[in-house]
N, C-alpha and C. Protein backbone atom coordinates (compact mmCIF):
# COMPACT_ATOMS: atom_id res chain seq x y z
N UNK A 1 60.92 159.83 110.63
CA UNK A 1 61.41 158.69 109.88
C UNK A 1 60.81 157.43 110.43
N UNK A 2 60.35 156.55 109.57
CA UNK A 2 59.61 155.36 110.02
C UNK A 2 60.41 154.06 109.96
N UNK A 3 61.61 154.07 109.48
CA UNK A 3 62.40 152.85 109.41
C UNK A 3 63.12 152.68 110.75
N UNK A 4 62.58 151.76 111.55
CA UNK A 4 63.15 151.53 112.87
C UNK A 4 64.20 150.41 112.86
N UNK A 5 63.95 149.39 112.04
CA UNK A 5 64.89 148.25 111.95
C UNK A 5 65.61 148.31 110.60
N UNK A 6 66.91 148.45 110.65
CA UNK A 6 67.69 148.44 109.42
C UNK A 6 67.89 147.00 109.00
N UNK A 7 67.50 146.67 107.78
CA UNK A 7 67.58 145.31 107.23
C UNK A 7 68.38 145.40 105.93
N UNK A 8 69.36 144.52 105.77
CA UNK A 8 70.15 144.57 104.54
C UNK A 8 69.43 143.95 103.37
N UNK A 9 69.83 144.30 102.18
CA UNK A 9 69.28 143.68 100.98
C UNK A 9 69.50 142.18 100.99
N UNK A 10 70.66 141.76 101.49
CA UNK A 10 70.97 140.33 101.57
C UNK A 10 70.00 139.61 102.47
N UNK A 11 69.67 140.23 103.62
CA UNK A 11 68.72 139.62 104.55
C UNK A 11 67.31 139.55 103.93
N UNK A 12 66.90 140.60 103.25
CA UNK A 12 65.60 140.58 102.60
C UNK A 12 65.57 139.53 101.50
N UNK A 13 66.64 139.41 100.73
CA UNK A 13 66.73 138.39 99.68
C UNK A 13 66.55 137.00 100.26
N UNK A 14 67.25 136.75 101.38
CA UNK A 14 67.13 135.43 102.04
C UNK A 14 65.71 135.21 102.55
N UNK A 15 65.13 136.23 103.14
CA UNK A 15 63.79 136.12 103.71
C UNK A 15 62.75 135.80 102.64
N UNK A 16 62.82 136.46 101.48
CA UNK A 16 61.79 136.24 100.46
C UNK A 16 62.06 135.04 99.58
N UNK A 17 63.23 134.42 99.75
CA UNK A 17 63.56 133.26 98.89
C UNK A 17 62.58 132.10 99.10
N UNK A 18 61.90 132.07 100.25
CA UNK A 18 60.94 131.01 100.51
C UNK A 18 59.55 131.29 99.99
N UNK A 19 59.38 132.43 99.31
CA UNK A 19 58.10 132.82 98.76
C UNK A 19 58.25 132.95 97.27
N UNK A 20 57.27 132.48 96.53
CA UNK A 20 57.38 132.48 95.06
C UNK A 20 56.99 133.84 94.47
N UNK A 21 57.89 134.82 94.67
CA UNK A 21 57.60 136.17 94.10
C UNK A 21 58.75 136.61 93.16
N UNK A 22 59.58 135.69 92.78
CA UNK A 22 60.65 136.04 91.85
C UNK A 22 61.98 136.32 92.56
N UNK A 23 63.00 136.49 91.74
CA UNK A 23 64.34 136.75 92.27
C UNK A 23 64.44 138.18 92.78
N UNK A 24 65.05 138.33 93.95
CA UNK A 24 65.27 139.65 94.53
C UNK A 24 66.16 140.49 93.64
N UNK A 25 65.74 141.73 93.36
CA UNK A 25 66.54 142.65 92.54
C UNK A 25 67.06 143.84 93.36
N UNK A 26 66.14 144.43 94.15
CA UNK A 26 66.56 145.60 94.95
C UNK A 26 65.55 145.89 96.05
N UNK A 27 65.96 146.81 96.94
CA UNK A 27 65.02 147.24 97.96
C UNK A 27 65.38 148.67 98.36
N UNK A 28 64.43 149.38 98.93
CA UNK A 28 64.67 150.68 99.48
C UNK A 28 63.75 150.92 100.67
N UNK A 29 64.20 151.71 101.61
CA UNK A 29 63.41 152.03 102.76
C UNK A 29 62.25 152.95 102.37
N UNK A 30 61.12 152.76 103.00
CA UNK A 30 59.98 153.65 102.84
C UNK A 30 59.90 154.47 104.12
N UNK A 31 60.22 155.75 104.05
CA UNK A 31 60.28 156.58 105.24
C UNK A 31 59.02 157.41 105.47
N UNK A 32 58.06 157.31 104.58
CA UNK A 32 56.86 158.15 104.67
C UNK A 32 55.85 157.69 105.68
N UNK A 33 55.99 156.50 106.22
CA UNK A 33 55.05 155.98 107.21
C UNK A 33 55.45 156.44 108.61
N UNK A 34 54.51 156.36 109.53
CA UNK A 34 54.78 156.82 110.88
C UNK A 34 54.88 155.66 111.87
N UNK A 35 54.67 154.44 111.41
CA UNK A 35 54.71 153.28 112.31
C UNK A 35 55.31 152.09 111.60
N UNK A 36 56.06 151.30 112.30
CA UNK A 36 56.69 150.09 111.80
C UNK A 36 57.78 150.38 110.79
N UNK A 37 58.36 149.31 110.25
CA UNK A 37 59.42 149.43 109.26
C UNK A 37 58.91 148.90 107.93
N UNK A 38 59.11 149.64 106.86
CA UNK A 38 58.60 149.26 105.55
C UNK A 38 59.67 149.39 104.50
N UNK A 39 59.75 148.39 103.62
CA UNK A 39 60.67 148.40 102.50
C UNK A 39 59.91 148.16 101.21
N UNK A 40 60.30 148.84 100.17
CA UNK A 40 59.82 148.58 98.83
C UNK A 40 60.80 147.58 98.21
N UNK A 41 60.29 146.41 97.89
CA UNK A 41 61.14 145.32 97.38
C UNK A 41 60.76 145.04 95.92
N UNK A 42 61.76 145.08 95.06
CA UNK A 42 61.58 144.77 93.65
C UNK A 42 62.13 143.40 93.34
N UNK A 43 61.33 142.58 92.69
CA UNK A 43 61.77 141.23 92.29
C UNK A 43 61.56 141.10 90.80
N UNK A 44 61.93 139.96 90.26
CA UNK A 44 61.72 139.70 88.86
C UNK A 44 60.26 139.60 88.46
N UNK A 45 59.36 139.48 89.44
CA UNK A 45 57.94 139.35 89.18
C UNK A 45 57.11 140.58 89.53
N UNK A 46 57.75 141.56 90.17
CA UNK A 46 56.97 142.73 90.53
C UNK A 46 57.57 143.51 91.68
N UNK A 47 56.76 144.46 92.18
CA UNK A 47 57.17 145.31 93.30
C UNK A 47 56.26 144.98 94.48
N UNK A 48 56.87 144.81 95.64
CA UNK A 48 56.15 144.43 96.84
C UNK A 48 56.55 145.34 98.01
N UNK A 49 55.67 145.35 99.00
CA UNK A 49 55.96 146.06 100.25
C UNK A 49 56.25 145.03 101.31
N UNK A 50 57.40 145.14 101.96
CA UNK A 50 57.73 144.30 103.10
C UNK A 50 57.50 145.15 104.36
N UNK A 51 56.52 144.79 105.14
CA UNK A 51 56.18 145.55 106.35
C UNK A 51 56.60 144.71 107.56
N UNK A 52 57.46 145.26 108.39
CA UNK A 52 57.90 144.60 109.60
C UNK A 52 57.15 145.20 110.78
N UNK A 53 56.25 144.40 111.35
CA UNK A 53 55.47 144.86 112.48
C UNK A 53 56.29 144.70 113.75
N UNK A 54 56.74 145.78 114.30
CA UNK A 54 57.64 145.73 115.43
C UNK A 54 56.91 145.69 116.78
N UNK A 55 55.71 146.23 116.81
CA UNK A 55 54.90 146.23 118.05
C UNK A 55 53.43 145.98 117.69
N UNK A 56 53.10 144.79 117.24
CA UNK A 56 51.68 144.56 116.94
C UNK A 56 50.92 144.48 118.27
N UNK A 57 50.45 145.66 118.72
CA UNK A 57 49.89 145.75 120.05
C UNK A 57 48.40 145.48 120.12
N UNK A 58 47.77 145.24 118.97
CA UNK A 58 46.35 144.95 119.02
C UNK A 58 46.01 143.82 118.07
N UNK A 59 44.94 143.12 118.41
CA UNK A 59 44.46 142.05 117.51
C UNK A 59 44.01 142.67 116.18
N UNK A 60 43.53 143.90 116.21
CA UNK A 60 43.08 144.59 115.02
C UNK A 60 44.18 144.68 113.97
N UNK A 61 45.41 145.00 114.41
CA UNK A 61 46.54 145.08 113.48
C UNK A 61 46.84 143.73 112.87
N UNK A 62 46.77 142.67 113.65
CA UNK A 62 47.05 141.36 113.12
C UNK A 62 45.98 140.91 112.12
N UNK A 63 44.74 141.29 112.37
CA UNK A 63 43.66 140.97 111.41
C UNK A 63 43.92 141.70 110.10
N UNK A 64 44.33 142.93 110.18
CA UNK A 64 44.65 143.71 108.97
C UNK A 64 45.76 143.01 108.19
N UNK A 65 46.77 142.56 108.90
CA UNK A 65 47.88 141.87 108.23
C UNK A 65 47.39 140.62 107.49
N UNK A 66 46.51 139.88 108.09
CA UNK A 66 45.95 138.69 107.42
C UNK A 66 45.23 139.04 106.12
N UNK A 67 44.46 140.11 106.15
CA UNK A 67 43.73 140.54 104.95
C UNK A 67 44.73 141.05 103.92
N UNK A 68 45.74 141.80 104.35
CA UNK A 68 46.74 142.34 103.44
C UNK A 68 47.48 141.21 102.75
N UNK A 69 47.84 140.18 103.53
CA UNK A 69 48.58 139.06 102.96
C UNK A 69 47.74 138.34 101.89
N UNK A 70 46.45 138.17 102.15
CA UNK A 70 45.61 137.48 101.20
C UNK A 70 45.48 138.25 99.89
N UNK A 71 45.63 139.55 99.95
CA UNK A 71 45.56 140.37 98.73
C UNK A 71 46.86 140.40 97.96
N UNK A 72 47.97 140.16 98.65
CA UNK A 72 49.25 140.36 98.01
C UNK A 72 49.91 139.09 97.48
N UNK A 73 49.47 137.94 97.90
CA UNK A 73 50.13 136.70 97.41
C UNK A 73 49.17 135.85 96.68
């Protein structure tokens, strides 16, 4: 199981409220990954992945995150 940090729907809703991706509708844990915590978040504008990097232990991971962010927003 890959969900290490349990995050409530209310917390996710608050977190994404500062980003223009629509109103929070729902979320579910993604357990198929082997690292970090991932949630599938559905908003009024689409479906997004919220990835919580719990141990970004290399610069390589952070570079990937930067590229991922530029593709998703």
